[in-house]
């Protein structure tokens, strides 16, 4: 696995919470505006290295972070990946 994945959210509160949890776990991440190709209730999303997906997935589940989905940019669009 290599590349960048994007987490989309339905609320800004959950986006900020996820950012804090990822930073606490020393996972490199960047918050930026949600791409127009991703329909979400929040204007913010977080990108992170695909290699960190197992740890990010565990944090999301353990900490019960509400997300819209995790997406990968492929073929000039964002495709949701299944965890």
N, C-alpha and C. Protein backbone atom coordinates (compact mmCIF):
# COMPACT_ATOMS: atom_id res chain seq x y z
N UNK A 1 0.84 -1.19 0.00
CA UNK A 1 0.00 0.00 0.00
C UNK A 1 0.88 1.24 0.00
N UNK A 2 0.61 2.14 -0.90
CA UNK A 2 1.26 3.44 -0.82
C UNK A 2 0.33 4.47 -1.43
N UNK A 3 0.49 5.69 -1.01
CA UNK A 3 -0.39 6.74 -1.47
C UNK A 3 -1.02 7.45 -0.30
N UNK A 4 -2.01 8.23 -0.63
CA UNK A 4 -2.69 9.06 0.37
C UNK A 4 -4.17 8.68 0.41
N UNK A 5 -4.70 8.57 1.62
CA UNK A 5 -6.12 8.34 1.82
C UNK A 5 -6.74 9.55 2.48
N UNK A 6 -8.05 9.69 2.35
CA UNK A 6 -8.78 10.84 2.87
C UNK A 6 -9.95 10.34 3.72
N UNK A 7 -10.08 10.91 4.92
CA UNK A 7 -11.23 10.61 5.77
C UNK A 7 -12.20 11.78 5.66
N UNK A 8 -13.46 11.48 5.33
CA UNK A 8 -14.50 12.51 5.27
C UNK A 8 -15.41 12.35 6.49
N UNK A 9 -15.97 13.47 6.92
CA UNK A 9 -16.77 13.51 8.14
C UNK A 9 -18.12 14.17 7.88
N UNK A 10 -19.05 13.95 8.81
CA UNK A 10 -20.34 14.63 8.76
C UNK A 10 -20.39 15.82 9.70
N UNK A 11 -19.37 15.95 10.57
CA UNK A 11 -19.35 17.09 11.48
C UNK A 11 -17.93 17.59 11.70
N UNK A 12 -17.82 18.87 11.88
CA UNK A 12 -16.52 19.49 12.15
C UNK A 12 -15.96 18.98 13.48
N UNK A 13 -16.83 18.77 14.45
CA UNK A 13 -16.40 18.28 15.76
C UNK A 13 -15.66 16.95 15.62
N UNK A 14 -16.22 16.04 14.82
CA UNK A 14 -15.57 14.74 14.63
C UNK A 14 -14.26 14.86 13.85
N UNK A 15 -14.20 15.79 12.90
CA UNK A 15 -12.97 16.01 12.14
C UNK A 15 -11.85 16.50 13.07
N UNK A 16 -12.18 17.45 13.93
CA UNK A 16 -11.18 17.99 14.86
C UNK A 16 -10.76 16.93 15.88
N UNK A 17 -11.72 16.13 16.32
CA UNK A 17 -11.42 15.06 17.27
C UNK A 17 -10.49 14.02 16.63
N UNK A 18 -10.78 13.63 15.40
CA UNK A 18 -9.95 12.66 14.69
C UNK A 18 -8.53 13.20 14.48
N UNK A 19 -8.44 14.47 14.12
CA UNK A 19 -7.12 15.09 13.93
C UNK A 19 -6.31 14.99 15.22
N UNK A 20 -6.93 15.30 16.35
CA UNK A 20 -6.24 15.24 17.64
C UNK A 20 -5.79 13.81 17.95
N UNK A 21 -6.67 12.83 17.72
CA UNK A 21 -6.33 11.44 18.01
C UNK A 21 -5.19 10.94 17.12
N UNK A 22 -5.20 11.32 15.85
CA UNK A 22 -4.13 10.90 14.94
C UNK A 22 -2.80 11.55 15.32
N UNK A 23 -2.86 12.82 15.69
CA UNK A 23 -1.63 13.49 16.11
C UNK A 23 -1.09 12.86 17.40
N UNK A 24 -1.97 12.53 18.31
CA UNK A 24 -1.55 11.89 19.56
C UNK A 24 -0.87 10.54 19.29
N UNK A 25 -1.32 9.84 18.23
CA UNK A 25 -0.74 8.55 17.85
C UNK A 25 0.46 8.72 16.92
N UNK A 26 0.91 9.95 16.71
CA UNK A 26 2.05 10.26 15.83
C UNK A 26 1.84 9.80 14.39
N UNK A 27 0.60 9.92 13.90
CA UNK A 27 0.30 9.61 12.51
C UNK A 27 0.27 10.92 11.74
N UNK A 28 1.09 10.99 10.71
CA UNK A 28 1.15 12.19 9.87
C UNK A 28 -0.21 12.41 9.23
N UNK A 29 -0.72 13.64 9.34
CA UNK A 29 -2.02 13.94 8.73
C UNK A 29 -2.11 15.42 8.41
N UNK A 30 -2.98 15.73 7.47
CA UNK A 30 -3.25 17.11 7.07
C UNK A 30 -4.75 17.30 6.95
N UNK A 31 -5.24 18.39 7.53
CA UNK A 31 -6.64 18.73 7.38
C UNK A 31 -6.76 19.72 6.22
N UNK A 32 -7.76 19.51 5.37
CA UNK A 32 -7.97 20.42 4.24
C UNK A 32 -9.43 20.36 3.82
N UNK A 33 -9.85 21.27 2.94
CA UNK A 33 -11.26 21.28 2.51
C UNK A 33 -11.66 19.97 1.82
N UNK A 34 -12.84 19.50 2.12
CA UNK A 34 -13.33 18.26 1.52
C UNK A 34 -13.49 18.46 0.01
N UNK A 35 -12.90 17.56 -0.80
CA UNK A 35 -13.04 17.69 -2.26
C UNK A 35 -14.51 17.61 -2.68
N UNK A 36 -14.84 18.34 -3.72
CA UNK A 36 -16.24 18.39 -4.17
C UNK A 36 -16.75 17.02 -4.63
N UNK A 37 -15.85 16.11 -4.99
CA UNK A 37 -16.26 14.77 -5.43
C UNK A 37 -16.78 13.91 -4.26
N UNK A 38 -16.46 14.32 -3.04
CA UNK A 38 -16.90 13.58 -1.86
C UNK A 38 -18.07 14.33 -1.22
N UNK A 39 -19.21 13.67 -1.14
CA UNK A 39 -20.37 14.27 -0.49
C UNK A 39 -20.27 14.01 1.00
N UNK A 40 -20.18 15.09 1.77
CA UNK A 40 -20.07 14.96 3.23
C UNK A 40 -20.73 16.17 3.87
N UNK A 41 -21.10 16.02 5.12
CA UNK A 41 -21.75 17.10 5.84
C UNK A 41 -20.78 18.10 6.42
N UNK A 42 -19.50 17.82 6.31
CA UNK A 42 -18.46 18.68 6.88
C UNK A 42 -17.55 19.16 5.76
N UNK A 43 -17.13 20.39 5.86
CA UNK A 43 -16.27 20.97 4.83
C UNK A 43 -14.80 20.62 5.03
N UNK A 44 -14.49 19.86 6.08
CA UNK A 44 -13.10 19.49 6.37
C UNK A 44 -12.90 17.99 6.25
N UNK A 45 -11.74 17.60 5.77
CA UNK A 45 -11.37 16.19 5.74
C UNK A 45 -9.91 16.07 6.15
N UNK A 46 -9.47 14.87 6.39
CA UNK A 46 -8.09 14.62 6.81
C UNK A 46 -7.46 13.63 5.83
N UNK A 47 -6.25 13.96 5.39
CA UNK A 47 -5.52 13.00 4.56
C UNK A 47 -4.39 12.41 5.39
N UNK A 48 -4.05 11.17 5.09
CA UNK A 48 -3.00 10.47 5.81
C UNK A 48 -2.38 9.42 4.89
N UNK A 49 -1.17 8.95 5.20
CA UNK A 49 -0.52 7.94 4.36
C UNK A 49 -1.28 6.61 4.40
N UNK A 50 -1.44 6.00 3.25
CA UNK A 50 -2.16 4.74 3.14
C UNK A 50 -1.52 3.65 4.01
N UNK A 51 -0.23 3.72 4.20
CA UNK A 51 0.47 2.73 5.02
C UNK A 51 -0.02 2.74 6.47
N UNK A 52 -0.61 3.85 6.92
CA UNK A 52 -1.11 3.96 8.28
C UNK A 52 -2.57 3.52 8.42
N UNK A 53 -3.18 3.00 7.36
CA UNK A 53 -4.59 2.64 7.40
C UNK A 53 -4.95 1.68 8.54
N UNK A 54 -4.19 0.62 8.79
CA UNK A 54 -4.58 -0.27 9.89
C UNK A 54 -4.66 0.45 11.24
N UNK A 55 -3.68 1.30 11.53
CA UNK A 55 -3.69 2.02 12.80
C UNK A 55 -4.81 3.06 12.85
N UNK A 56 -5.02 3.76 11.74
CA UNK A 56 -6.09 4.77 11.67
C UNK A 56 -7.45 4.09 11.86
N UNK A 57 -7.65 2.97 11.20
CA UNK A 57 -8.90 2.23 11.31
C UNK A 57 -9.14 1.80 12.76
N UNK A 58 -8.10 1.32 13.42
CA UNK A 58 -8.22 0.91 14.82
C UNK A 58 -8.60 2.08 15.71
N UNK A 59 -7.98 3.24 15.50
CA UNK A 59 -8.28 4.43 16.29
C UNK A 59 -9.74 4.85 16.08
N UNK A 60 -10.18 4.87 14.83
CA UNK A 60 -11.55 5.27 14.51
C UNK A 60 -12.56 4.35 15.22
N UNK A 61 -12.29 3.05 15.17
CA UNK A 61 -13.22 2.10 15.79
C UNK A 61 -13.15 2.15 17.31
N UNK A 62 -11.95 2.15 17.87
CA UNK A 62 -11.78 2.15 19.32
C UNK A 62 -12.34 3.40 19.96
N UNK A 63 -12.08 4.55 19.33
CA UNK A 63 -12.51 5.83 19.89
C UNK A 63 -13.90 6.25 19.41
N UNK A 64 -14.54 5.40 18.60
CA UNK A 64 -15.88 5.63 18.09
C UNK A 64 -16.02 7.00 17.41
N UNK A 65 -15.09 7.26 16.49
CA UNK A 65 -15.14 8.49 15.70
C UNK A 65 -16.14 8.28 14.57
N UNK A 66 -17.10 9.19 14.43
CA UNK A 66 -18.09 9.10 13.36
C UNK A 66 -17.50 9.68 12.08
N UNK A 67 -17.40 8.84 11.06
CA UNK A 67 -16.86 9.29 9.78
C UNK A 67 -17.88 9.01 8.68
N UNK A 68 -17.74 9.75 7.58
CA UNK A 68 -18.56 9.48 6.40
C UNK A 68 -17.94 8.32 5.63
N UNK A 69 -16.60 8.27 5.61
CA UNK A 69 -15.90 7.19 4.92
C UNK A 69 -14.44 7.53 4.71
N UNK A 70 -13.70 6.54 4.24
CA UNK A 70 -12.30 6.73 3.87
C UNK A 70 -12.22 6.54 2.37
N UNK A 71 -11.54 7.45 1.71
CA UNK A 71 -11.51 7.49 0.26
C UNK A 71 -10.08 7.49 -0.26
N UNK A 72 -9.92 6.94 -1.48
CA UNK A 72 -8.64 6.95 -2.17
C UNK A 72 -8.84 7.60 -3.53
N UNK A 73 -7.90 8.47 -3.91
CA UNK A 73 -7.98 9.12 -5.21
C UNK A 73 -7.49 8.15 -6.28
N UNK A 74 -8.40 7.73 -7.15
CA UNK A 74 -8.08 6.79 -8.22
C UNK A 74 -8.83 7.18 -9.48
N UNK A 75 -8.16 7.09 -10.58
CA UNK A 75 -8.81 7.33 -11.88
C UNK A 75 -9.53 8.67 -11.90
N UNK A 76 -8.88 9.70 -11.40
CA UNK A 76 -9.36 11.08 -11.39
C UNK A 76 -10.63 11.30 -10.57
N UNK A 77 -10.88 10.43 -9.59
CA UNK A 77 -12.01 10.61 -8.69
C UNK A 77 -11.69 9.94 -7.36
N UNK A 78 -12.50 10.23 -6.36
CA UNK A 78 -12.31 9.60 -5.05
C UNK A 78 -13.23 8.41 -4.93
N UNK A 79 -12.65 7.25 -4.61
CA UNK A 79 -13.43 6.04 -4.43
C UNK A 79 -13.37 5.62 -2.97
N UNK A 80 -14.53 5.32 -2.39
CA UNK A 80 -14.57 4.90 -1.00
C UNK A 80 -14.00 3.50 -0.87
N UNK A 81 -13.18 3.31 0.16
CA UNK A 81 -12.64 1.99 0.41
C UNK A 81 -13.42 1.36 1.56
N UNK A 82 -13.48 0.05 1.58
CA UNK A 82 -14.20 -0.67 2.60
C UNK A 82 -13.21 -1.15 3.65
N UNK A 83 -13.55 -0.91 4.91
CA UNK A 83 -12.66 -1.34 6.00
C UNK A 83 -13.04 -2.72 6.47
